[in-house]
Amino acid sequence: MFDNGKSETMQIVQNAFAWLWILVSVVMLCLCAAPLVVSEKALFSASSRLQEHHGPGQTCALCGMTRGYVLAARLRITEAYLANKGAPFLYFSSLVNGIFMIVWLIRKTGQLFREK
């Protein structure tokens, strides 16, 4: 798919990582779009079930991540940061990665058509 003069083994490994990156990026873009399509109430009620694995007063690094991710998607950045400090970073880095992947695919597709 993406030939750049490397050995065959290296080319296979590079192609595998490219496809893995594309797959993960598509999944992350879907997760970026989900909070814009599904209601906050539905997402928050689903995420409240995740809190049941903690004892009283216990938290983890992902506590508040769903709420923060949804709030970041709705551009309520301060609230997202308060829900989980990593949520805005995760949301926007996923979004930027997805956009980069789309641009990269368009460029690679264009190169493939120009070669033929």
C-alpha atoms as a PDB file:
ATOM      1  CA  MET A   1       0.000   0.000   0.000  1.00  0.00           C
ATOM      2  CA  PHE A   2       2.642   2.541   1.028  1.00  0.00           C
ATOM      3  CA  ASP A   3       5.871   1.744  -0.837  1.00  0.00           C
ATOM      4  CA  ASN A   4       8.888   3.941  -0.186  1.00  0.00           C
ATOM      5  CA  GLY A   5      11.812   1.723  -1.180  1.00  0.00           C
ATOM      6  CA  LYS A   6      12.300  -0.110   2.143  1.00  0.00           C
ATOM      7  CA  SER A   7      12.869  -3.825   2.600  1.00  0.00           C
ATOM      8  CA  GLU A   8       9.839  -6.047   2.250  1.00  0.00           C
ATOM      9  CA  THR A   9       9.727  -6.923   5.966  1.00  0.00           C
ATOM     10  CA  MET A  10      10.040  -3.297   6.992  1.00  0.00           C
ATOM     11  CA  GLN A  11       7.338  -2.382   4.484  1.00  0.00           C
ATOM     12  CA  ILE A  12       4.961  -4.987   5.984  1.00  0.00           C
ATOM     13  CA  VAL A  13       5.594  -3.660   9.501  1.00  0.00           C
ATOM     14  CA  GLN A  14       5.092  -0.058   8.354  1.00  0.00           C
ATOM     15  CA  ASN A  15       1.845  -0.965   6.593  1.00  0.00           C
ATOM     16  CA  ALA A  16       0.585  -2.827   9.684  1.00  0.00           C
ATOM     17  CA  PHE A  17       1.252   0.194  11.891  1.00  0.00           C
ATOM     18  CA  ALA A  18      -0.372   2.504   9.337  1.00  0.00           C
ATOM     19  CA  TRP A  19      -3.542   0.390   9.296  1.00  0.00           C
ATOM     20  CA  LEU A  20      -3.552   0.164  13.100  1.00  0.00           C
ATOM     21  CA  TRP A  21      -3.203   3.946  13.357  1.00  0.00           C
ATOM     22  CA  ILE A  22      -6.058   4.424  10.868  1.00  0.00           C
ATOM     23  CA  LEU A  23      -8.303   2.029  12.820  1.00  0.00           C
ATOM     24  CA  VAL A  24      -7.577   3.640  16.198  1.00  0.00           C
ATOM     25  CA  SER A  25      -8.020   7.112  14.702  1.00  0.00           C
ATOM     26  CA  VAL A  26     -11.414   6.224  13.216  1.00  0.00           C
ATOM     27  CA  VAL A  27     -12.572   4.813  16.563  1.00  0.00           C
ATOM     28  CA  MET A  28     -11.352   7.946  18.372  1.00  0.00           C
ATOM     29  CA  LEU A  29     -13.106  10.198  15.836  1.00  0.00           C
ATOM     30  CA  CYS A  30     -16.333   8.274  16.460  1.00  0.00           C
ATOM     31  CA  LEU A  31     -15.830   8.819  20.190  1.00  0.00           C
ATOM     32  CA  CYS A  32     -15.280  12.532  19.502  1.00  0.00           C
ATOM     33  CA  ALA A  33     -18.557  12.699  17.579  1.00  0.00           C
ATOM     34  CA  ALA A  34     -20.600  10.588  20.025  1.00  0.00           C
ATOM     35  CA  PRO A  35     -21.072  13.334  22.651  1.00  0.00           C
ATOM     36  CA  LEU A  36     -22.471  15.573  19.921  1.00  0.00           C
ATOM     37  CA  VAL A  37     -25.046  12.971  18.894  1.00  0.00           C
ATOM     38  CA  VAL A  38     -26.008  11.252  22.155  1.00  0.00           C
ATOM     39  CA  SER A  39     -27.628  13.235  24.950  1.00  0.00           C
ATOM     40  CA  GLU A  40     -25.604  14.217  28.019  1.00  0.00           C
ATOM     41  CA  LYS A  41     -28.146  12.528  30.269  1.00  0.00           C
ATOM     42  CA  ALA A  42     -27.734   9.170  28.499  1.00  0.00           C
ATOM     43  CA  LEU A  43     -23.932   9.355  28.599  1.00  0.00           C
ATOM     44  CA  PHE A  44     -23.768  10.486  32.210  1.00  0.00           C
ATOM     45  CA  SER A  45     -26.202   7.821  33.396  1.00  0.00           C
ATOM     46  CA  ALA A  46     -24.115   5.158  31.648  1.00  0.00           C
ATOM     47  CA  SER A  47     -20.896   6.489  33.179  1.00  0.00           C
ATOM     48  CA  SER A  48     -22.376   6.605  36.685  1.00  0.00           C
ATOM     49  CA  ARG A  49     -22.447   2.805  36.635  1.00  0.00           C
ATOM     50  CA  LEU A  50     -18.663   2.823  36.284  1.00  0.00           C
ATOM     51  CA  GLN A  51     -18.281   4.448  39.692  1.00  0.00           C
ATOM     52  CA  GLU A  52     -19.626   1.372  41.446  1.00  0.00           C
ATOM     53  CA  HIS A  53     -16.214  -0.351  41.401  1.00  0.00           C
ATOM     54  CA  HIS A  54     -14.803   2.223  43.852  1.00  0.00           C
ATOM     55  CA  GLY A  55     -15.301   2.180  47.553  1.00  0.00           C
ATOM     56  CA  PRO A  56     -16.572   5.307  49.316  1.00  0.00           C
ATOM     57  CA  GLY A  57     -14.156   8.217  48.850  1.00  0.00           C
ATOM     58  CA  GLN A  58     -11.871   6.331  46.447  1.00  0.00           C
ATOM     59  CA  THR A  59     -11.003   7.678  43.012  1.00  0.00           C
ATOM     60  CA  CYS A  60      -8.801   6.739  40.067  1.00  0.00           C
ATOM     61  CA  ALA A  61      -7.135   8.582  37.179  1.00  0.00           C
ATOM     62  CA  LEU A  62     -10.153   7.975  34.951  1.00  0.00           C
ATOM     63  CA  CYS A  63     -12.790   9.210  37.408  1.00  0.00           C
ATOM     64  CA  GLY A  64     -14.741  11.952  35.680  1.00  0.00           C
ATOM     65  CA  MET A  65     -13.223  11.187  32.269  1.00  0.00           C
ATOM     66  CA  THR A  66     -16.558  10.464  30.551  1.00  0.00           C
ATOM     67  CA  ARG A  67     -18.134  13.608  31.970  1.00  0.00           C
ATOM     68  CA  GLY A  68     -15.031  15.663  31.099  1.00  0.00           C
ATOM     69  CA  TYR A  69     -14.869  14.213  27.571  1.00  0.00           C
ATOM     70  CA  VAL A  70     -18.524  15.050  26.921  1.00  0.00           C
ATOM     71  CA  LEU A  71     -18.088  18.557  28.307  1.00  0.00           C
ATOM     72  CA  ALA A  72     -14.957  19.108  26.190  1.00  0.00           C
ATOM     73  CA  ALA A  73     -16.879  18.011  23.101  1.00  0.00           C
ATOM     74  CA  ARG A  74     -19.476  20.646  23.898  1.00  0.00           C
ATOM     75  CA  LEU A  75     -16.655  23.222  24.356  1.00  0.00           C
ATOM     76  CA  ARG A  76     -17.310  23.607  28.082  1.00  0.00           C
ATOM     77  CA  ILE A  77     -13.586  23.419  28.743  1.00  0.00           C
ATOM     78  CA  THR A  78     -13.481  24.732  32.315  1.00  0.00           C
ATOM     79  CA  GLU A  79     -16.149  22.261  33.438  1.00  0.00           C
ATOM     80  CA  ALA A  80     -14.355  19.473  31.557  1.00  0.00           C
ATOM     81  CA  TYR A  81     -11.093  20.303  33.294  1.00  0.00           C
ATOM     82  CA  LEU A  82     -12.805  20.274  36.675  1.00  0.00           C
ATOM     83  CA  ALA A  83     -14.376  16.876  35.930  1.00  0.00           C
ATOM     84  CA  ASN A  84     -11.011  15.365  34.960  1.00  0.00           C
ATOM     85  CA  LYS A  85      -7.855  17.304  34.189  1.00  0.00           C
ATOM     86  CA  GLY A  86      -6.929  14.972  31.326  1.00  0.00           C
ATOM     87  CA  ALA A  87     -10.287  14.980  29.544  1.00  0.00           C
ATOM     88  CA  PRO A  88      -9.865  18.183  27.473  1.00  0.00           C
ATOM     89  CA  PHE A  89      -6.359  17.116  26.442  1.00  0.00           C
ATOM     90  CA  LEU A  90      -7.549  13.633  25.453  1.00  0.00           C
ATOM     91  CA  TYR A  91     -10.521  14.986  23.519  1.00  0.00           C
ATOM     92  CA  PHE A  92      -8.635  17.618  21.551  1.00  0.00           C
ATOM     93  CA  SER A  93      -5.591  15.417  20.910  1.00  0.00           C
ATOM     94  CA  SER A  94      -7.941  12.714  19.580  1.00  0.00           C
ATOM     95  CA  LEU A  95      -9.632  15.276  17.376  1.00  0.00           C
ATOM     96  CA  VAL A  96      -6.350  16.669  16.030  1.00  0.00           C
ATOM     97  CA  ASN A  97      -5.029  13.142  15.441  1.00  0.00           C
ATOM     98  CA  GLY A  98      -8.192  12.261  13.515  1.00  0.00           C
ATOM     99  CA  ILE A  99      -7.925  15.359  11.352  1.00  0.00           C
ATOM    100  CA  PHE A 100      -4.243  14.610  10.714  1.00  0.00           C
ATOM    101  CA  MET A 101      -5.143  11.032   9.751  1.00  0.00           C
ATOM    102  CA  ILE A 102      -7.794  12.232   7.289  1.00  0.00           C
ATOM    103  CA  VAL A 103      -5.357  14.671   5.655  1.00  0.00           C
ATOM    104  CA  TRP A 104      -2.683  11.956   5.524  1.00  0.00           C
ATOM    105  CA  LEU A 105      -5.118   9.495   3.905  1.00  0.00           C
ATOM    106  CA  ILE A 106      -6.192  12.057   1.317  1.00  0.00           C
ATOM    107  CA  ARG A 107      -2.552  12.768   0.445  1.00  0.00           C
ATOM    108  CA  LYS A 108      -1.649   9.051   0.270  1.00  0.00           C
ATOM    109  CA  THR A 109      -4.708   8.283  -1.828  1.00  0.00           C
ATOM    110  CA  GLY A 110      -3.790  11.108  -4.183  1.00  0.00           C
ATOM    111  CA  GLN A 111      -0.244   9.733  -4.485  1.00  0.00           C
ATOM    112  CA  LEU A 112      -1.562   6.261  -5.301  1.00  0.00           C
ATOM    113  CA  PHE A 113      -3.801   7.615  -8.077  1.00  0.00           C
ATOM    114  CA  ARG A 114      -0.998   9.745  -9.529  1.00  0.00           C
ATOM    115  CA  GLU A 115       1.312   6.714  -9.688  1.00  0.00           C
ATOM    116  CA  LYS A 116      -1.166   4.706 -11.781  1.00  0.00           C
END
